[in-house]
Amino acid sequence: MDEATYENYKQAGKIAADARDYGVSLLKPGVHLLDVASNVEKRIIKNGA
């Protein structure tokens, strides 16, 4: 695996971890799952994925 590919995988992992943590922070009683998913998707895009 070349260096650029390796760095891309590392960045993708960081974005995924951030999205997971952000999604968990949004989970509260009464919050709709689609709202959480939509916000997580926006966060992933904002982070460059």
N, C-alpha and C. Protein backbone atom coordinates (compact mmCIF):
# COMPACT_ATOMS: atom_id res chain seq x y z
N MET A 1 0.86 -1.17 0.00
CA MET A 1 0.00 0.00 0.00
C MET A 1 0.91 1.24 0.00
N ASP A 2 0.61 2.17 -0.89
CA ASP A 2 1.45 3.37 -0.93
C ASP A 2 1.05 4.35 0.18
N GLU A 3 1.88 5.33 0.40
CA GLU A 3 1.70 6.28 1.50
C GLU A 3 0.40 7.07 1.39
N ALA A 4 0.04 7.49 0.19
CA ALA A 4 -1.19 8.28 0.01
C ALA A 4 -2.43 7.46 0.37
N THR A 5 -2.45 6.21 -0.04
CA THR A 5 -3.58 5.34 0.29
C THR A 5 -3.66 5.13 1.79
N TYR A 6 -2.53 4.91 2.41
CA TYR A 6 -2.48 4.73 3.86
C TYR A 6 -3.02 5.96 4.58
N GLU A 7 -2.61 7.14 4.16
CA GLU A 7 -3.09 8.38 4.78
C GLU A 7 -4.59 8.56 4.57
N ASN A 8 -5.08 8.18 3.40
CA ASN A 8 -6.53 8.26 3.15
C ASN A 8 -7.30 7.35 4.09
N TYR A 9 -6.80 6.15 4.32
CA TYR A 9 -7.45 5.22 5.25
C TYR A 9 -7.43 5.78 6.68
N LYS A 10 -6.32 6.38 7.07
CA LYS A 10 -6.24 6.97 8.40
C LYS A 10 -7.26 8.10 8.56
N GLN A 11 -7.35 8.95 7.54
CA GLN A 11 -8.31 10.06 7.59
C GLN A 11 -9.74 9.53 7.62
N ALA A 12 -10.03 8.52 6.84
CA ALA A 12 -11.38 7.93 6.85
C ALA A 12 -11.71 7.36 8.22
N GLY A 13 -10.75 6.75 8.87
CA GLY A 13 -10.97 6.22 10.21
C GLY A 13 -11.27 7.31 11.22
N LYS A 14 -10.57 8.43 11.11
CA LYS A 14 -10.82 9.56 12.01
C LYS A 14 -12.21 10.14 11.79
N ILE A 15 -12.60 10.26 10.53
CA ILE A 15 -13.93 10.78 10.21
C ILE A 15 -15.00 9.83 10.74
N ALA A 16 -14.79 8.54 10.56
CA ALA A 16 -15.77 7.55 11.03
C ALA A 16 -15.89 7.57 12.56
N ALA A 17 -14.76 7.67 13.25
CA ALA A 17 -14.79 7.72 14.71
C ALA A 17 -15.51 8.97 15.20
N ASP A 18 -15.24 10.10 14.56
CA ASP A 18 -15.92 11.34 14.93
C ASP A 18 -17.42 11.22 14.69
N ALA A 19 -17.81 10.63 13.57
CA ALA A 19 -19.23 10.47 13.25
C ALA A 19 -19.91 9.58 14.28
N ARG A 20 -19.25 8.51 14.66
CA ARG A 20 -19.81 7.61 15.67
C ARG A 20 -20.02 8.34 17.00
N ASP A 21 -19.00 9.04 17.45
CA ASP A 21 -19.09 9.76 18.72
C ASP A 21 -20.16 10.84 18.67
N TYR A 22 -20.22 11.55 17.57
CA TYR A 22 -21.23 12.59 17.40
C TYR A 22 -22.63 11.99 17.40
N GLY A 23 -22.81 10.89 16.70
CA GLY A 23 -24.11 10.23 16.66
C GLY A 23 -24.56 9.79 18.04
N VAL A 24 -23.65 9.21 18.81
CA VAL A 24 -23.98 8.78 20.17
C VAL A 24 -24.39 9.98 21.02
N SER A 25 -23.72 11.11 20.83
CA SER A 25 -24.04 12.29 21.63
C SER A 25 -25.43 12.84 21.32
N LEU A 26 -25.96 12.53 20.15
CA LEU A 26 -27.28 13.01 19.76
C LEU A 26 -28.42 12.12 20.25
N LEU A 27 -28.09 10.92 20.68
CA LEU A 27 -29.12 9.96 21.08
C LEU A 27 -29.71 10.33 22.44
N LYS A 28 -30.97 10.70 22.41
CA LYS A 28 -31.71 11.07 23.62
C LYS A 28 -33.13 10.53 23.46
N PRO A 29 -33.81 10.28 24.56
CA PRO A 29 -35.20 9.84 24.46
C PRO A 29 -36.04 10.84 23.66
N GLY A 30 -36.80 10.33 22.73
CA GLY A 30 -37.68 11.17 21.93
C GLY A 30 -37.08 11.70 20.64
N VAL A 31 -35.78 11.55 20.45
CA VAL A 31 -35.14 12.03 19.22
C VAL A 31 -35.35 10.98 18.14
N HIS A 32 -35.76 11.42 16.98
CA HIS A 32 -36.02 10.51 15.87
C HIS A 32 -34.71 10.04 15.24
N LEU A 33 -34.64 8.76 14.95
CA LEU A 33 -33.44 8.17 14.38
C LEU A 33 -33.06 8.82 13.06
N LEU A 34 -34.05 9.18 12.25
CA LEU A 34 -33.75 9.83 10.97
C LEU A 34 -33.10 11.20 11.17
N ASP A 35 -33.47 11.91 12.23
CA ASP A 35 -32.83 13.19 12.53
C ASP A 35 -31.37 12.98 12.91
N VAL A 36 -31.11 11.96 13.71
CA VAL A 36 -29.73 11.64 14.09
C VAL A 36 -28.93 11.28 12.85
N ALA A 37 -29.47 10.40 12.01
CA ALA A 37 -28.77 9.97 10.80
C ALA A 37 -28.48 11.15 9.88
N SER A 38 -29.44 12.04 9.74
CA SER A 38 -29.26 13.21 8.88
C SER A 38 -28.14 14.11 9.41
N ASN A 39 -28.14 14.34 10.71
CA ASN A 39 -27.10 15.18 11.30
C ASN A 39 -25.72 14.53 11.22
N VAL A 40 -25.66 13.23 11.40
CA VAL A 40 -24.38 12.52 11.28
C VAL A 40 -23.88 12.60 9.84
N GLU A 41 -24.77 12.42 8.89
CA GLU A 41 -24.38 12.51 7.48
C GLU A 41 -23.82 13.90 7.16
N LYS A 42 -24.47 14.94 7.64
CA LYS A 42 -23.97 16.30 7.42
C LYS A 42 -22.59 16.49 8.02
N ARG A 43 -22.37 15.92 9.21
CA ARG A 43 -21.07 16.03 9.88
C ARG A 43 -19.99 15.32 9.06
N ILE A 44 -20.31 14.15 8.52
CA ILE A 44 -19.34 13.40 7.71
C ILE A 44 -18.95 14.22 6.48
N ILE A 45 -19.92 14.80 5.82
CA ILE A 45 -19.65 15.61 4.63
C ILE A 45 -18.82 16.84 5.01
N LYS A 46 -19.18 17.48 6.12
CA LYS A 46 -18.44 18.66 6.58
C LYS A 46 -16.98 18.32 6.86
N ASN A 47 -16.74 17.10 7.33
CA ASN A 47 -15.37 16.68 7.65
C ASN A 47 -14.58 16.21 6.44
N GLY A 48 -15.17 16.29 5.26
CA GLY A 48 -14.40 16.05 4.05
C GLY A 48 -14.55 14.69 3.40
N ALA A 49 -15.51 13.92 3.83
CA ALA A 49 -15.69 12.60 3.21
C ALA A 49 -16.68 12.68 2.07
